[in-house]
Amino acid sequence: MPEKQKVPVVKAGDVTQRVGVEVIRARGVDVEKLIKMLIANAAAEFASTYYYYTILRMHLAGHEDYKEICEDARLEDRAHWELIVPRIYELGGELPNDLPAFHDQAGCRAAKTARSADDGEHSDSAAGVGALCDPQLD
């Protein structure tokens, strides 16, 4: 009878040898850089665009056609957020526990509606929230 080989056992809670992470590393991907990029993308989806479209939607009362378009964009950004966040944690990353620090990783300026209810100032976001984000994340 062949001798049983010892199989290394991963302790409960040890996430250093996740199969998905090991496979990605084996294919040459820098997992830490990927996590950083996913966090930046999650920040852009949530802290900038989802937030922006939520506020914008509230100011579109009486303009139901625009409100519907805005709601579609808002829900799409939320869906992206909800797809990205689990990947971050599956790879061993986590979201910052500080919202301003989280937003600062977005590569986007803070999104504001064209007229702030607080101070009446105009922002340059009237051109669209897409102009706020830098597609060249480091």
N, C-alpha and C. Protein backbone atom coordinates (compact mmCIF):
# COMPACT_ATOMS: atom_id res chain seq x y z
N MET A 1 0.84 -1.17 0.00
CA MET A 1 0.00 0.00 0.00
C MET A 1 0.90 1.24 0.00
N PRO A 2 0.65 2.20 -0.94
CA PRO A 2 1.49 3.40 -1.01
C PRO A 2 1.29 4.26 0.25
N GLU A 3 2.39 4.90 0.61
CA GLU A 3 2.37 5.76 1.80
C GLU A 3 1.61 7.04 1.49
N LYS A 4 0.78 7.47 2.44
CA LYS A 4 0.02 8.70 2.28
C LYS A 4 0.94 9.91 2.32
N GLN A 5 0.79 10.79 1.37
CA GLN A 5 1.60 12.01 1.35
C GLN A 5 0.94 13.06 2.24
N LYS A 6 1.78 13.82 2.92
CA LYS A 6 1.26 14.90 3.74
C LYS A 6 0.87 16.07 2.84
N VAL A 7 -0.36 16.53 2.97
CA VAL A 7 -0.86 17.67 2.21
C VAL A 7 -0.82 18.87 3.15
N PRO A 8 -0.21 19.96 2.69
CA PRO A 8 -0.19 21.13 3.57
C PRO A 8 -1.61 21.62 3.86
N VAL A 9 -1.86 21.94 5.09
CA VAL A 9 -3.18 22.39 5.51
C VAL A 9 -3.12 23.90 5.74
N VAL A 10 -4.10 24.58 5.17
CA VAL A 10 -4.20 26.02 5.36
C VAL A 10 -5.06 26.25 6.59
N LYS A 11 -4.54 27.04 7.51
CA LYS A 11 -5.26 27.32 8.74
C LYS A 11 -6.48 28.19 8.46
N ALA A 12 -7.52 28.01 9.26
CA ALA A 12 -8.73 28.80 9.13
C ALA A 12 -8.40 30.28 9.23
N GLY A 13 -8.94 31.06 8.31
CA GLY A 13 -8.70 32.50 8.30
C GLY A 13 -7.47 32.94 7.53
N ASP A 14 -6.62 31.99 7.12
CA ASP A 14 -5.42 32.34 6.36
C ASP A 14 -5.82 32.58 4.91
N VAL A 15 -5.64 33.80 4.46
CA VAL A 15 -6.03 34.14 3.09
C VAL A 15 -4.82 34.34 2.18
N THR A 16 -3.65 33.93 2.64
CA THR A 16 -2.44 34.15 1.86
C THR A 16 -2.28 33.18 0.70
N GLN A 17 -3.04 32.11 0.69
CA GLN A 17 -2.91 31.12 -0.38
C GLN A 17 -4.24 30.85 -1.07
N ARG A 18 -4.97 31.89 -1.35
CA ARG A 18 -6.24 31.73 -2.06
C ARG A 18 -5.95 31.25 -3.47
N VAL A 19 -6.73 30.29 -3.92
CA VAL A 19 -6.50 29.69 -5.24
C VAL A 19 -6.55 30.74 -6.34
N GLY A 20 -7.56 31.59 -6.32
CA GLY A 20 -7.68 32.62 -7.36
C GLY A 20 -6.48 33.54 -7.40
N VAL A 21 -6.00 33.93 -6.24
CA VAL A 21 -4.85 34.82 -6.17
C VAL A 21 -3.61 34.11 -6.70
N GLU A 22 -3.44 32.86 -6.32
CA GLU A 22 -2.28 32.10 -6.79
C GLU A 22 -2.31 31.92 -8.31
N VAL A 23 -3.47 31.69 -8.86
CA VAL A 23 -3.60 31.53 -10.31
C VAL A 23 -3.27 32.84 -11.02
N ILE A 24 -3.79 33.95 -10.50
CA ILE A 24 -3.51 35.25 -11.11
C ILE A 24 -2.02 35.56 -11.04
N ARG A 25 -1.41 35.30 -9.89
CA ARG A 25 0.04 35.54 -9.75
C ARG A 25 0.83 34.68 -10.73
N ALA A 26 0.41 33.41 -10.87
CA ALA A 26 1.10 32.49 -11.78
C ALA A 26 1.06 33.00 -13.22
N ARG A 27 0.06 33.80 -13.54
CA ARG A 27 -0.06 34.36 -14.89
C ARG A 27 0.65 35.70 -15.03
N GLY A 28 1.37 36.10 -13.99
CA GLY A 28 2.20 37.30 -14.08
C GLY A 28 1.54 38.59 -13.65
N VAL A 29 0.38 38.51 -13.02
CA VAL A 29 -0.31 39.73 -12.60
C VAL A 29 0.20 40.15 -11.22
N ASP A 30 0.46 41.42 -11.08
CA ASP A 30 0.84 41.99 -9.78
C ASP A 30 -0.45 42.21 -9.00
N VAL A 31 -0.76 41.29 -8.09
CA VAL A 31 -2.04 41.29 -7.38
C VAL A 31 -2.21 42.55 -6.54
N GLU A 32 -1.15 43.02 -5.90
CA GLU A 32 -1.25 44.23 -5.08
C GLU A 32 -1.61 45.44 -5.94
N LYS A 33 -1.00 45.53 -7.12
CA LYS A 33 -1.33 46.63 -8.03
C LYS A 33 -2.77 46.50 -8.52
N LEU A 34 -3.21 45.28 -8.81
CA LEU A 34 -4.58 45.05 -9.24
C LEU A 34 -5.56 45.49 -8.15
N ILE A 35 -5.27 45.14 -6.90
CA ILE A 35 -6.13 45.54 -5.79
C ILE A 35 -6.21 47.07 -5.71
N LYS A 36 -5.07 47.72 -5.83
CA LYS A 36 -5.02 49.18 -5.79
C LYS A 36 -5.87 49.79 -6.91
N MET A 37 -5.78 49.23 -8.09
CA MET A 37 -6.56 49.72 -9.23
C MET A 37 -8.05 49.48 -9.01
N LEU A 38 -8.41 48.33 -8.46
CA LEU A 38 -9.83 48.04 -8.20
C LEU A 38 -10.39 48.98 -7.13
N ILE A 39 -9.59 49.27 -6.11
CA ILE A 39 -10.04 50.20 -5.07
C ILE A 39 -10.24 51.59 -5.67
N ALA A 40 -9.33 52.03 -6.53
CA ALA A 40 -9.48 53.33 -7.19
C ALA A 40 -10.73 53.35 -8.05
N ASN A 41 -11.00 52.26 -8.74
CA ASN A 41 -12.20 52.19 -9.57
C ASN A 41 -13.46 52.18 -8.72
N ALA A 42 -13.43 51.43 -7.62
CA ALA A 42 -14.59 51.40 -6.71
C ALA A 42 -14.84 52.79 -6.15
N ALA A 43 -13.78 53.50 -5.82
CA ALA A 43 -13.92 54.87 -5.31
C ALA A 43 -14.55 55.77 -6.36
N ALA A 44 -14.13 55.65 -7.59
CA ALA A 44 -14.71 56.46 -8.67
C ALA A 44 -16.18 56.12 -8.87
N GLU A 45 -16.52 54.84 -8.83
CA GLU A 45 -17.91 54.42 -9.03
C GLU A 45 -18.82 54.90 -7.91
N PHE A 46 -18.35 54.77 -6.69
CA PHE A 46 -19.21 55.08 -5.55
C PHE A 46 -19.08 56.53 -5.08
N ALA A 47 -17.89 56.91 -4.70
CA ALA A 47 -17.69 58.19 -4.04
C ALA A 47 -17.82 59.35 -5.02
N SER A 48 -17.74 59.10 -6.30
CA SER A 48 -17.89 60.19 -7.27
C SER A 48 -19.18 60.04 -8.06
N THR A 49 -19.26 59.08 -8.95
CA THR A 49 -20.38 59.06 -9.89
C THR A 49 -21.71 58.64 -9.26
N TYR A 50 -21.73 57.59 -8.46
CA TYR A 50 -23.00 57.17 -7.84
C TYR A 50 -23.54 58.29 -6.95
N TYR A 51 -22.66 58.89 -6.18
CA TYR A 51 -23.02 60.01 -5.30
C TYR A 51 -23.56 61.18 -6.13
N TYR A 52 -22.84 61.51 -7.20
CA TYR A 52 -23.23 62.62 -8.08
C TYR A 52 -24.61 62.38 -8.69
N TYR A 53 -24.81 61.21 -9.27
CA TYR A 53 -26.09 60.93 -9.92
C TYR A 53 -27.23 60.85 -8.91
N THR A 54 -26.95 60.45 -7.68
CA THR A 54 -27.98 60.44 -6.64
C THR A 54 -28.45 61.86 -6.36
N ILE A 55 -27.51 62.78 -6.18
CA ILE A 55 -27.86 64.17 -5.92
C ILE A 55 -28.55 64.79 -7.14
N LEU A 56 -27.99 64.56 -8.31
CA LEU A 56 -28.56 65.12 -9.53
C LEU A 56 -30.00 64.66 -9.72
N ARG A 57 -30.25 63.39 -9.47
CA ARG A 57 -31.61 62.83 -9.62
C ARG A 57 -32.60 63.57 -8.72
N MET A 58 -32.18 63.94 -7.53
CA MET A 58 -33.07 64.64 -6.61
C MET A 58 -33.44 66.03 -7.12
N HIS A 59 -32.58 66.63 -7.94
CA HIS A 59 -32.84 67.97 -8.48
C HIS A 59 -33.60 67.93 -9.81
N LEU A 60 -33.95 66.75 -10.26
CA LEU A 60 -34.65 66.64 -11.55
C LEU A 60 -36.15 66.42 -11.41
N ALA A 61 -36.70 66.74 -10.25
CA ALA A 61 -38.15 66.62 -10.06
C ALA A 61 -38.86 67.47 -11.10
N GLY A 62 -39.86 66.89 -11.73
CA GLY A 62 -40.60 67.60 -12.76
C GLY A 62 -40.02 67.40 -14.16
N HIS A 63 -38.87 66.81 -14.25
CA HIS A 63 -38.22 66.52 -15.54
C HIS A 63 -38.04 65.01 -15.63
N GLU A 64 -39.14 64.31 -15.69
CA GLU A 64 -39.12 62.85 -15.54
C GLU A 64 -38.29 62.14 -16.60
N ASP A 65 -38.24 62.66 -17.82
CA ASP A 65 -37.43 62.02 -18.86
C ASP A 65 -35.95 62.07 -18.49
N TYR A 66 -35.48 63.21 -18.02
CA TYR A 66 -34.08 63.33 -17.59
C TYR A 66 -33.83 62.54 -16.31
N LYS A 67 -34.81 62.57 -15.44
CA LYS A 67 -34.69 61.86 -14.17
C LYS A 67 -34.52 60.36 -14.41
N GLU A 68 -35.23 59.83 -15.39
CA GLU A 68 -35.13 58.40 -15.72
C GLU A 68 -33.74 58.06 -16.27
N ILE A 69 -33.21 58.92 -17.13
CA ILE A 69 -31.86 58.70 -17.67
C ILE A 69 -30.84 58.74 -16.54
N CYS A 70 -30.99 59.72 -15.67
CA CYS A 70 -30.08 59.86 -14.53
C CYS A 70 -30.16 58.63 -13.62
N GLU A 71 -31.38 58.15 -13.38
CA GLU A 71 -31.55 56.97 -12.52
C GLU A 71 -30.89 55.74 -13.14
N ASP A 72 -30.99 55.59 -14.45
CA ASP A 72 -30.31 54.47 -15.12
C ASP A 72 -28.80 54.53 -14.91
N ALA A 73 -28.23 55.73 -15.07
CA ALA A 73 -26.78 55.90 -14.88
C ALA A 73 -26.41 55.62 -13.43
N ARG A 74 -27.22 56.10 -12.49
CA ARG A 74 -26.97 55.90 -11.06
C ARG A 74 -26.97 54.42 -10.71
N LEU A 75 -27.96 53.69 -11.22
CA LEU A 75 -28.05 52.25 -10.93
C LEU A 75 -26.92 51.47 -11.60
N GLU A 76 -26.49 51.91 -12.76
CA GLU A 76 -25.36 51.26 -13.43
C GLU A 76 -24.08 51.43 -12.60
N ASP A 77 -23.86 52.62 -12.09
CA ASP A 77 -22.68 52.85 -11.24
C ASP A 77 -22.75 52.03 -9.96
N ARG A 78 -23.94 51.93 -9.39
CA ARG A 78 -24.09 51.10 -8.19
C ARG A 78 -23.82 49.64 -8.49
N ALA A 79 -24.28 49.17 -9.65
CA ALA A 79 -24.03 47.78 -10.05
C ALA A 79 -22.52 47.54 -10.22
N HIS A 80 -21.82 48.49 -10.83
CA HIS A 80 -20.36 48.36 -10.97
C HIS A 80 -19.71 48.26 -9.60
N TRP A 81 -20.12 49.13 -8.70
CA TRP A 81 -19.61 49.14 -7.32
C TRP A 81 -19.81 47.77 -6.68
N GLU A 82 -21.02 47.24 -6.82
CA GLU A 82 -21.34 45.97 -6.17
C GLU A 82 -20.61 44.79 -6.80
N LEU A 83 -20.14 44.92 -8.02
CA LEU A 83 -19.33 43.88 -8.65
C LEU A 83 -17.86 43.98 -8.27
N ILE A 84 -17.39 45.21 -8.10
CA ILE A 84 -15.97 45.43 -7.83
C ILE A 84 -15.60 45.08 -6.39
N VAL A 85 -16.42 45.49 -5.44
CA VAL A 85 -16.07 45.34 -4.02
C VAL A 85 -15.79 43.88 -3.63
N PRO A 86 -16.62 42.92 -4.01
CA PRO A 86 -16.29 41.53 -3.65
C PRO A 86 -14.95 41.07 -4.22
N ARG A 87 -14.61 41.52 -5.44
CA ARG A 87 -13.32 41.13 -6.04
C ARG A 87 -12.16 41.64 -5.19
N ILE A 88 -12.30 42.85 -4.67
CA ILE A 88 -11.24 43.43 -3.83
C ILE A 88 -10.99 42.53 -2.63
N TYR A 89 -12.05 42.14 -1.96
CA TYR A 89 -11.91 41.31 -0.76
C TYR A 89 -11.47 39.89 -1.11
N GLU A 90 -11.94 39.36 -2.24
CA GLU A 90 -11.52 38.02 -2.67
C GLU A 90 -10.02 37.97 -2.93
N LEU A 91 -9.47 39.09 -3.37
CA LEU A 91 -8.03 39.15 -3.64
C LEU A 91 -7.21 39.47 -2.40
N GLY A 92 -7.87 39.67 -1.28
CA GLY A 92 -7.17 39.95 -0.03
C GLY A 92 -7.06 41.42 0.30
N GLY A 93 -7.70 42.28 -0.48
CA GLY A 93 -7.68 43.71 -0.20
C GLY A 93 -8.87 44.11 0.65
N GLU A 94 -8.95 45.37 0.95
CA GLU A 94 -10.11 45.89 1.67
C GLU A 94 -10.26 47.37 1.38
N LEU A 95 -11.47 47.87 1.57
CA LEU A 95 -11.73 49.29 1.36
C LEU A 95 -11.23 50.08 2.55
N PRO A 96 -10.77 51.31 2.30
CA PRO A 96 -10.35 52.16 3.41
C PRO A 96 -11.53 52.43 4.34
N ASN A 97 -11.25 52.57 5.61
CA ASN A 97 -12.30 52.83 6.59
C ASN A 97 -12.46 54.34 6.82
N ASP A 98 -12.12 55.13 5.81
CA ASP A 98 -12.16 56.58 5.89
C ASP A 98 -12.63 57.08 4.52
N LEU A 99 -13.85 57.63 4.47
CA LEU A 99 -14.42 58.02 3.19
C LEU A 99 -13.59 59.04 2.42
N PRO A 100 -13.09 60.12 3.05
CA PRO A 100 -12.24 61.04 2.28
C PRO A 100 -10.99 60.37 1.73
N ALA A 101 -10.36 59.50 2.52
CA ALA A 101 -9.17 58.78 2.03
C ALA A 101 -9.56 57.86 0.88
N PHE A 102 -10.73 57.26 0.97
CA PHE A 102 -11.24 56.40 -0.10
C PHE A 102 -11.44 57.21 -1.37
N HIS A 103 -12.12 58.34 -1.25
CA HIS A 103 -12.38 59.16 -2.43
C HIS A 103 -11.09 59.67 -3.06
N ASP A 104 -10.10 59.98 -2.24
CA ASP A 104 -8.84 60.50 -2.77
C ASP A 104 -8.12 59.50 -3.67
N GLN A 105 -8.47 58.24 -3.58
CA GLN A 105 -7.87 57.22 -4.43
C GLN A 105 -8.58 57.10 -5.78
N ALA A 106 -9.66 57.85 -5.98
CA ALA A 106 -10.51 57.69 -7.15
C ALA A 106 -9.90 58.20 -8.44
N GLY A 107 -8.96 59.12 -8.38
CA GLY A 107 -8.47 59.71 -9.62
C GLY A 107 -9.47 60.69 -10.19
N CYS A 108 -10.44 61.12 -9.37
CA CYS A 108 -11.49 62.04 -9.79
C CYS A 108 -11.60 63.18 -8.79
N ARG A 109 -11.95 64.34 -9.31
CA ARG A 109 -12.30 65.42 -8.40
C ARG A 109 -13.66 65.09 -7.80
N ALA A 110 -13.98 65.69 -6.68
CA ALA A 110 -15.29 65.48 -6.07
C ALA A 110 -16.37 65.97 -7.03
N ALA A 111 -17.33 65.13 -7.30
CA ALA A 111 -18.41 65.48 -8.23
C ALA A 111 -19.42 66.38 -7.53
N LYS A 112 -19.83 67.43 -8.23
CA LYS A 112 -20.85 68.34 -7.72
C LYS A 112 -21.83 68.62 -8.83
N THR A 113 -23.05 68.94 -8.47
CA THR A 113 -24.01 69.34 -9.48
C THR A 113 -23.62 70.73 -9.99
N ALA A 114 -24.22 71.15 -11.08
CA ALA A 114 -23.85 72.42 -11.71
C ALA A 114 -24.05 73.60 -10.77
N ARG A 115 -24.98 73.52 -9.86
CA ARG A 115 -25.19 74.59 -8.89
C ARG A 115 -25.32 73.93 -7.52
N SER A 116 -24.44 74.31 -6.62
CA SER A 116 -24.47 73.79 -5.27
C SER A 116 -25.60 74.44 -4.50
N ALA A 117 -26.39 73.64 -3.79
CA ALA A 117 -27.48 74.19 -2.99
C ALA A 117 -26.95 74.99 -1.82
N ASP A 118 -25.72 74.71 -1.41
CA ASP A 118 -25.15 75.39 -0.24
C ASP A 118 -24.69 76.81 -0.53
N ASP A 119 -23.96 76.99 -1.63
CA ASP A 119 -23.34 78.29 -1.85
C ASP A 119 -23.70 78.95 -3.17
N GLY A 120 -24.47 78.27 -4.00
CA GLY A 120 -24.88 78.85 -5.27
C GLY A 120 -23.78 78.92 -6.31
N GLU A 121 -22.58 78.41 -6.02
CA GLU A 121 -21.50 78.46 -6.99
C GLU A 121 -21.70 77.41 -8.08
N HIS A 122 -21.23 77.75 -9.26
CA HIS A 122 -21.26 76.80 -10.36
C HIS A 122 -19.98 75.97 -10.34
N SER A 123 -20.10 74.69 -10.69
CA SER A 123 -18.90 73.87 -10.83
C SER A 123 -18.74 73.50 -12.29
N ASP A 124 -17.58 73.00 -12.65
CA ASP A 124 -17.35 72.63 -14.04
C ASP A 124 -17.89 71.24 -14.37
N SER A 125 -18.69 70.66 -13.47
CA SER A 125 -19.21 69.32 -13.72
C SER A 125 -20.41 69.33 -14.66
N ALA A 126 -20.87 70.50 -15.05
CA ALA A 126 -22.01 70.56 -15.96
C ALA A 126 -21.68 69.88 -17.28
N ALA A 127 -20.42 69.79 -17.63
CA ALA A 127 -20.01 69.13 -18.87
C ALA A 127 -20.19 67.62 -18.77
N GLY A 128 -20.39 67.12 -17.60
CA GLY A 128 -20.61 65.68 -17.41
C GLY A 128 -19.62 65.11 -16.42
N VAL A 129 -20.09 64.11 -15.68
CA VAL A 129 -19.25 63.52 -14.65
C VAL A 129 -18.05 62.79 -15.26
N GLY A 130 -18.15 62.37 -16.49
CA GLY A 130 -17.03 61.68 -17.13
C GLY A 130 -15.80 62.57 -17.24
N ALA A 131 -16.00 63.87 -17.31
CA ALA A 131 -14.86 64.80 -17.40
C ALA A 131 -14.12 64.92 -16.07
N LEU A 132 -14.72 64.43 -14.99
CA LEU A 132 -14.10 64.54 -13.68
C LEU A 132 -13.01 63.50 -13.45
N CYS A 133 -13.11 62.38 -14.11
CA CYS A 133 -12.22 61.24 -13.83
C CYS A 133 -11.05 61.19 -14.80
N ASP A 134 -9.90 60.88 -14.27
CA ASP A 134 -8.69 60.71 -15.06
C ASP A 134 -8.58 59.24 -15.44
N PRO A 135 -8.66 58.89 -16.72
CA PRO A 135 -8.60 57.47 -17.09
C PRO A 135 -7.20 56.87 -16.90
N GLN A 136 -6.20 57.70 -16.70
CA GLN A 136 -4.82 57.21 -16.55
C GLN A 136 -4.46 57.08 -15.08
N LEU A 137 -5.00 56.04 -14.42
CA LEU A 137 -4.68 55.80 -13.02
C LEU A 137 -3.30 55.16 -12.91
N ASP A 138 -2.51 55.64 -11.96
CA ASP A 138 -1.17 55.07 -11.75
C ASP A 138 -1.24 53.86 -10.88
